[in-house]
């Protein structure tokens, strides 16, 4: 299952904290699509995936919006 989380306009560390909370509510293997505008979120979501064991499937940027796909472990 795929869920979306819009954290545009929020600054570090809120995007990652909100993503962590949402992922806890999801089943293993589900994918969370996060949209953020904080430029630091690129580094933050990579580090988050590395430290939690979730898989960062993709990371992209279009018109100032960063999109991350994270699969729950």
C-alpha atoms as a PDB file:
ATOM      1  CA  UNK A   1       0.000   0.000   0.000  1.00  0.00           C
ATOM      2  CA  UNK A   2       1.169   3.537  -0.728  1.00  0.00           C
ATOM      3  CA  UNK A   3       0.438   6.538   1.488  1.00  0.00           C
ATOM      4  CA  UNK A   4       1.288  10.204   1.017  1.00  0.00           C
ATOM      5  CA  UNK A   5       2.564  12.757   3.507  1.00  0.00           C
ATOM      6  CA  UNK A   6       2.731  16.472   2.675  1.00  0.00           C
ATOM      7  CA  UNK A   7       5.231  18.297   4.876  1.00  0.00           C
ATOM      8  CA  UNK A   8       5.824  21.235   2.524  1.00  0.00           C
ATOM      9  CA  UNK A   9       6.603  24.417   4.406  1.00  0.00           C
ATOM     10  CA  UNK A  10       7.991  22.636   7.460  1.00  0.00           C
ATOM     11  CA  UNK A  11      11.653  22.949   8.454  1.00  0.00           C
ATOM     12  CA  UNK A  12      14.035  20.392   9.913  1.00  0.00           C
ATOM     13  CA  UNK A  13      13.462  18.256  11.921  1.00  0.00           C
ATOM     14  CA  UNK A  14       9.670  18.253  11.474  1.00  0.00           C
ATOM     15  CA  UNK A  15       9.516  16.508   8.047  1.00  0.00           C
ATOM     16  CA  UNK A  16      11.479  13.509   9.326  1.00  0.00           C
ATOM     17  CA  UNK A  17       9.619  13.402  12.648  1.00  0.00           C
ATOM     18  CA  UNK A  18       6.240  13.391  10.907  1.00  0.00           C
ATOM     19  CA  UNK A  19       7.439  10.709   8.480  1.00  0.00           C
ATOM     20  CA  UNK A  20       8.694   8.564  11.379  1.00  0.00           C
ATOM     21  CA  UNK A  21       5.312   8.830  13.100  1.00  0.00           C
ATOM     22  CA  UNK A  22       3.411   7.894   9.930  1.00  0.00           C
ATOM     23  CA  UNK A  23       5.727   4.955   9.171  1.00  0.00           C
ATOM     24  CA  UNK A  24       5.107   3.544  12.656  1.00  0.00           C
ATOM     25  CA  UNK A  25       1.400   3.328  11.761  1.00  0.00           C
ATOM     26  CA  UNK A  26       2.058   1.501   8.475  1.00  0.00           C
ATOM     27  CA  UNK A  27       2.572  -2.187   7.757  1.00  0.00           C
ATOM     28  CA  UNK A  28       5.923  -3.652   6.808  1.00  0.00           C
ATOM     29  CA  UNK A  29       6.543  -3.259   3.070  1.00  0.00           C
ATOM     30  CA  UNK A  30       4.190  -0.289   2.664  1.00  0.00           C
ATOM     31  CA  UNK A  31       5.546   2.802   0.899  1.00  0.00           C
ATOM     32  CA  UNK A  32       5.325   6.369   2.161  1.00  0.00           C
ATOM     33  CA  UNK A  33       5.612   9.184  -0.401  1.00  0.00           C
ATOM     34  CA  UNK A  34       6.777  12.383   1.286  1.00  0.00           C
ATOM     35  CA  UNK A  35       6.704  15.843  -0.272  1.00  0.00           C
ATOM     36  CA  UNK A  36       8.906  18.460   1.384  1.00  0.00           C
ATOM     37  CA  UNK A  37      10.299  21.896   0.594  1.00  0.00           C
ATOM     38  CA  UNK A  38      13.165  22.039   3.100  1.00  0.00           C
ATOM     39  CA  UNK A  39      16.447  21.673   1.141  1.00  0.00           C
ATOM     40  CA  UNK A  40      18.007  19.913   4.143  1.00  0.00           C
ATOM     41  CA  UNK A  41      15.430  17.143   3.842  1.00  0.00           C
ATOM     42  CA  UNK A  42      17.550  15.420   1.169  1.00  0.00           C
ATOM     43  CA  UNK A  43      20.326  14.740   3.651  1.00  0.00           C
ATOM     44  CA  UNK A  44      17.899  14.165   6.519  1.00  0.00           C
ATOM     45  CA  UNK A  45      15.844  11.464   4.776  1.00  0.00           C
ATOM     46  CA  UNK A  46      18.958   9.601   3.607  1.00  0.00           C
ATOM     47  CA  UNK A  47      20.294   9.562   7.159  1.00  0.00           C
ATOM     48  CA  UNK A  48      16.858   8.597   8.507  1.00  0.00           C
ATOM     49  CA  UNK A  49      16.660   5.602   6.171  1.00  0.00           C
ATOM     50  CA  UNK A  50      20.223   4.524   7.019  1.00  0.00           C
ATOM     51  CA  UNK A  51      19.655   4.648  10.771  1.00  0.00           C
ATOM     52  CA  UNK A  52      16.163   3.105  10.885  1.00  0.00           C
ATOM     53  CA  UNK A  53      16.480   0.349   8.294  1.00  0.00           C
ATOM     54  CA  UNK A  54      13.692   1.708   6.104  1.00  0.00           C
ATOM     55  CA  UNK A  55      14.515   1.744   2.376  1.00  0.00           C
ATOM     56  CA  UNK A  56      14.770   5.080   0.582  1.00  0.00           C
ATOM     57  CA  UNK A  57      13.463   3.937  -2.812  1.00  0.00           C
ATOM     58  CA  UNK A  58      13.721   7.274  -4.598  1.00  0.00           C
ATOM     59  CA  UNK A  59      14.500  10.924  -4.101  1.00  0.00           C
ATOM     60  CA  UNK A  60      13.714  13.661  -6.603  1.00  0.00           C
ATOM     61  CA  UNK A  61      13.174  17.407  -6.843  1.00  0.00           C
ATOM     62  CA  UNK A  62      10.845  19.362  -9.097  1.00  0.00           C
ATOM     63  CA  UNK A  63      10.021  23.074  -8.840  1.00  0.00           C
ATOM     64  CA  UNK A  64      11.371  23.313  -5.289  1.00  0.00           C
ATOM     65  CA  UNK A  65       9.468  20.275  -3.999  1.00  0.00           C
ATOM     66  CA  UNK A  66      11.466  17.259  -2.861  1.00  0.00           C
ATOM     67  CA  UNK A  67       9.739  13.890  -3.147  1.00  0.00           C
ATOM     68  CA  UNK A  68      10.908  10.814  -1.254  1.00  0.00           C
ATOM     69  CA  UNK A  69       9.598   7.265  -1.457  1.00  0.00           C
ATOM     70  CA  UNK A  70      10.337   5.252   1.664  1.00  0.00           C
ATOM     71  CA  UNK A  71       9.483   1.568   2.113  1.00  0.00           C
ATOM     72  CA  UNK A  72       8.798   0.553   5.707  1.00  0.00           C
ATOM     73  CA  UNK A  73      10.992  -2.246   7.001  1.00  0.00           C
END
